[in-house]
């Protein structure tokens, strides 16, 4: 019996973390296959049931400065939010304003890659942090990747990936 439980736990653990693992690339957030979305499977669940469960999960977990929820006829849910000082570069704490989108159909929910804007203020000047590749502009705007696509900000990349992957995994723990 113990072996069966261990095996079931292992498969549940693996399937949870194989769903929506987004990574930051030089083109922004992408799934493990380089796509813009990941699909969660819920066999036997109808669209209305999935919509209700996803809506409840999102509404219960909304935290941050300005959380906002929008839905469209049980097909789509959009969550926007702002989290202050999510990551730091030097003394500047960057605020993340982000959008998570969920498309709902019978038996599945597609979770689209997060759309994230990062900004902060240091010494009275606005500083922007970009997820894509590029070069610094006037020393106040930074990119996680350089213009050749090489990673420059590994710690920031890791913190952002961990935050958004955990956020999505928590939201997709649906109760029926």
Foldseek 3Di string as FASTA:
>chain_A
DVVVVVVVVVVVVVLLLQFAQWAQFQVGTAGPVRHFKGKDFAPPAALVRQLVQLVVLCVVPDDADDWDWDDDPSFKIKIWHKHWQLDDDPPWRKIKTKIWMWGTGTGMIITGTIDIWIWTDDPRDIATEASHEDDDDPVRYYYQAHNVGHGDPVPVRVSVSVVVSVVVSSSPPTDD
